[in-house]
Amino acid sequence: MGDVDGPTVIAAARRWVTAVVVGLNLCPFARRVTEAGRVRYAATDAGDEEELLAALGAELATLVAAPRAEVETTLLIHPRALPAFPDFNDFLAEADRMVRRLGLAGVVQVVGFHPGFRFAGADPDAPENYTNRSPHPMLHLLREESVTEVSGDAAALAEIPRRNTEILRALAREGILARIATNPDEPPR
């Protein structure tokens, strides 16, 4: 694993999923798969876009080969590659192209999480940015079949971003940072 301490970055991702994503119910689909132990956490020491694409290709293959009853979704954590959010954000289009090249369009979708995540036009410290802020850059590989099964109510789905913004604004920045801290002794970002 080179420079990346896999167990440490995976532990930080698990804490974030448990405390923020599931704990605040930001993604109503996450609790079921998390509690069932069907989230695969994979850390890579990829240091650039090319290495990250190779790791992404391998994880896509692993996900689609695994039975859903064992692995429903994957978080590919890459602390060394694309540390600047604009570069990471640009990379998401390349990740989508890879999904299509591998014939997985409509089968798997990729969602990005990053410590510097920022919605277009949002203030850097706006609470809504924290819906996608994670302790390390990571790519979430979701089986579209899983999303479709739990997303039957379009009105309820459309309500999620508004509800998440309200939850995060009520917590305020300090409360959010306390939940996402990878190390309690680490200063807030």
Protein backbone atom coordinates (compact mmCIF):
# COMPACT_ATOMS: atom_id res chain seq x y z
CA MET A 1 0.00 0.00 0.00
CA GLY A 2 3.01 2.35 -0.18
CA ASP A 3 2.51 5.65 1.62
CA VAL A 4 -1.15 5.05 2.48
CA ASP A 5 -2.00 3.41 5.78
CA GLY A 6 -4.99 1.43 4.49
CA PRO A 7 -6.46 0.42 7.86
CA THR A 8 -6.28 4.03 9.12
CA VAL A 9 -7.97 5.61 6.08
CA ILE A 10 -10.60 2.86 6.01
CA ALA A 11 -11.29 3.40 9.72
CA ALA A 12 -11.74 7.14 9.09
CA ALA A 13 -14.14 6.42 6.22
CA ARG A 14 -16.13 3.97 8.36
CA ARG A 15 -16.40 6.53 11.17
CA TRP A 16 -17.57 9.17 8.69
CA VAL A 17 -20.19 6.86 7.17
CA THR A 18 -21.44 5.84 10.60
CA ALA A 19 -21.43 9.30 12.21
CA VAL A 20 -22.42 11.50 9.30
CA VAL A 21 -24.02 9.60 6.44
CA VAL A 22 -25.95 7.08 8.54
CA GLY A 23 -25.95 9.01 11.82
CA LEU A 24 -27.57 12.08 10.28
CA ASN A 25 -29.56 10.00 7.77
CA LEU A 26 -28.13 12.08 4.90
CA CYS A 27 -28.58 9.10 2.61
CA PRO A 28 -31.67 7.12 3.54
CA PHE A 29 -30.31 4.12 1.62
CA ALA A 30 -27.03 3.87 3.52
CA ARG A 31 -28.27 2.49 6.84
CA ARG A 32 -29.53 -0.78 5.37
CA VAL A 33 -26.30 -1.69 3.56
CA THR A 34 -24.04 -0.41 6.31
CA GLU A 35 -25.80 -2.38 9.04
CA ALA A 36 -25.83 -5.47 6.81
CA GLY A 37 -22.04 -5.18 6.34
CA ARG A 38 -22.36 -4.95 2.56
CA VAL A 39 -20.18 -1.87 2.03
CA ARG A 40 -16.72 -2.63 0.66
CA TYR A 41 -14.06 -0.18 1.83
CA ALA A 42 -10.97 -0.17 -0.38
CA ALA A 43 -7.96 2.12 0.03
CA THR A 44 -5.47 2.78 -2.73
CA ASP A 45 -2.09 4.46 -2.69
CA ALA A 46 -2.69 5.79 -6.21
CA GLY A 47 -0.85 9.08 -6.50
CA ASP A 48 -2.16 10.42 -9.77
CA GLU A 49 -5.11 10.24 -12.14
CA GLU A 50 -3.74 7.35 -14.18
CA GLU A 51 -3.13 5.17 -11.12
CA LEU A 52 -6.54 6.10 -9.72
CA LEU A 53 -8.23 5.10 -13.00
CA ALA A 54 -6.51 1.71 -12.78
CA ALA A 55 -7.68 1.29 -9.17
CA LEU A 56 -11.19 2.38 -10.17
CA GLY A 57 -11.27 -0.17 -12.99
CA ALA A 58 -10.22 -2.93 -10.61
CA GLU A 59 -12.85 -1.93 -8.02
CA LEU A 60 -15.59 -1.73 -10.65
CA ALA A 61 -14.71 -5.27 -11.73
CA THR A 62 -14.67 -6.46 -8.11
CA LEU A 63 -18.06 -4.88 -7.38
CA VAL A 64 -19.88 -6.31 -10.40
CA ALA A 65 -18.34 -9.76 -9.84
CA ALA A 66 -19.43 -9.90 -6.20
CA PRO A 67 -22.92 -11.09 -5.27
CA ARG A 68 -25.10 -8.23 -4.02
CA ALA A 69 -25.80 -10.21 -0.88
CA GLU A 70 -22.10 -9.80 -0.03
CA VAL A 71 -21.10 -6.43 -1.54
CA GLU A 72 -23.74 -3.92 -2.51
CA THR A 73 -21.57 -0.82 -2.80
CA THR A 74 -17.90 0.20 -2.65
CA LEU A 75 -16.05 3.21 -1.28
CA LEU A 76 -12.69 3.60 -3.04
CA ILE A 77 -10.60 5.85 -0.78
CA HIS A 78 -7.64 7.59 -2.41
CA PRO A 79 -5.90 10.02 -0.02
CA ARG A 80 -2.92 10.73 -2.32
CA ALA A 81 -4.63 11.19 -5.69
CA LEU A 82 -6.42 14.43 -6.54
CA PRO A 83 -6.09 16.24 -3.21
CA ALA A 84 -7.32 19.52 -4.79
CA PHE A 85 -11.09 19.54 -5.13
CA PRO A 86 -11.21 21.15 -8.62
CA ASP A 87 -8.97 18.37 -9.99
CA PHE A 88 -11.08 15.73 -8.23
CA ASN A 89 -14.29 17.28 -9.56
CA ASP A 90 -12.90 17.23 -13.11
CA PHE A 91 -11.89 13.58 -12.64
CA LEU A 92 -15.49 12.52 -11.99
CA ALA A 93 -16.23 12.94 -15.72
CA GLU A 94 -13.33 10.59 -16.49
CA ALA A 95 -14.71 8.09 -13.97
CA ASP A 96 -18.07 8.20 -15.76
CA ARG A 97 -16.32 7.65 -19.10
CA MET A 98 -14.60 4.58 -17.63
CA VAL A 99 -17.94 3.21 -16.46
CA ARG A 100 -19.27 3.56 -20.03
CA ARG A 101 -16.09 2.09 -21.61
CA LEU A 102 -16.43 -0.96 -19.38
CA GLY A 103 -20.05 -1.42 -20.46
CA LEU A 104 -21.33 -0.62 -16.96
CA ALA A 105 -23.53 2.38 -17.77
CA GLY A 106 -26.88 1.69 -16.16
CA VAL A 107 -25.21 -0.89 -13.91
CA VAL A 108 -22.89 1.22 -11.70
CA GLN A 109 -22.72 4.93 -11.02
CA VAL A 110 -19.87 6.84 -9.37
CA VAL A 111 -20.43 9.56 -6.78
CA GLY A 112 -17.61 11.70 -5.41
CA PHE A 113 -16.80 12.65 -1.83
CA HIS A 114 -13.92 14.95 -0.93
CA PRO A 115 -12.68 16.93 2.10
CA GLY A 116 -12.89 20.13 0.03
CA PHE A 117 -16.21 19.40 -1.69
CA ARG A 118 -18.02 22.57 -2.75
CA PHE A 119 -21.24 22.93 -4.69
CA ALA A 120 -21.02 25.39 -7.57
CA GLY A 121 -21.84 28.88 -6.35
CA ALA A 122 -21.80 27.88 -2.67
CA ASP A 123 -19.72 29.62 -0.01
CA PRO A 124 -16.72 27.41 0.94
CA ASP A 125 -18.09 26.94 4.48
CA ALA A 126 -21.76 26.51 3.47
CA PRO A 127 -23.37 23.64 5.39
CA GLU A 128 -24.69 21.97 2.24
CA ASN A 129 -21.12 21.27 1.10
CA TYR A 130 -20.76 18.86 4.01
CA THR A 131 -23.22 16.39 2.47
CA ASN A 132 -20.30 15.35 0.26
CA ARG A 133 -17.32 16.21 2.47
CA SER A 134 -15.43 13.16 3.67
CA PRO A 135 -12.20 12.70 5.62
CA HIS A 136 -10.35 11.64 2.44
CA PRO A 137 -11.13 11.84 -1.28
CA MET A 138 -13.21 8.84 -2.25
CA LEU A 139 -15.29 7.43 -5.06
CA HIS A 140 -18.56 5.76 -4.16
CA LEU A 141 -19.46 2.97 -6.58
CA LEU A 142 -23.20 2.33 -6.43
CA ARG A 143 -25.10 -0.45 -8.12
CA GLU A 144 -27.92 1.27 -10.00
CA GLU A 145 -30.18 -1.70 -9.29
CA SER A 146 -29.82 -1.01 -5.55
CA VAL A 147 -30.61 2.68 -5.95
CA THR A 148 -33.66 1.95 -8.10
CA GLU A 149 -35.08 -0.50 -5.56
CA VAL A 150 -35.09 2.00 -2.72
CA SER A 151 -35.90 5.17 -4.65
CA GLY A 152 -39.49 4.52 -5.67
CA ASP A 153 -40.90 7.82 -4.38
CA ALA A 154 -39.62 10.62 -6.64
CA ALA A 155 -41.04 13.34 -4.38
CA ALA A 156 -39.24 11.91 -1.35
CA LEU A 157 -35.98 11.73 -3.32
CA ALA A 158 -36.30 15.35 -4.42
CA GLU A 159 -36.77 16.36 -0.77
CA ILE A 160 -33.47 14.82 0.42
CA PRO A 161 -31.14 17.74 -0.49
CA ARG A 162 -33.38 20.33 1.21
CA ARG A 163 -33.73 18.18 4.32
CA ASN A 164 -29.97 17.55 4.44
CA THR A 165 -29.22 21.28 4.20
CA GLU A 166 -31.60 21.96 7.10
CA ILE A 167 -30.00 19.23 9.22
CA LEU A 168 -26.48 20.51 8.54
CA ARG A 169 -27.39 24.17 9.15
CA ALA A 170 -28.90 23.21 12.50
CA LEU A 171 -25.65 21.45 13.48
CA ALA A 172 -23.54 24.47 12.48
CA ARG A 173 -19.97 24.15 11.20
CA GLU A 174 -18.50 23.13 14.58
CA GLY A 175 -20.99 20.29 15.02
CA ILE A 176 -20.38 19.06 11.51
CA LEU A 177 -16.59 19.15 11.94
CA ALA A 178 -16.85 17.23 15.20
CA ARG A 179 -18.71 14.47 13.38
CA ILE A 180 -16.28 14.20 10.46
CA ALA A 181 -13.02 14.49 12.39
CA THR A 182 -10.72 11.57 11.59
CA ASN A 183 -8.81 12.22 14.78
CA PRO A 184 -10.29 14.02 17.79
CA ASP A 185 -6.96 15.79 18.33
CA GLU A 186 -6.83 17.04 14.74
CA PRO A 187 -7.64 20.75 14.29
CA PRO A 188 -10.85 21.55 12.37
CA ARG A 189 -10.51 22.22 8.65
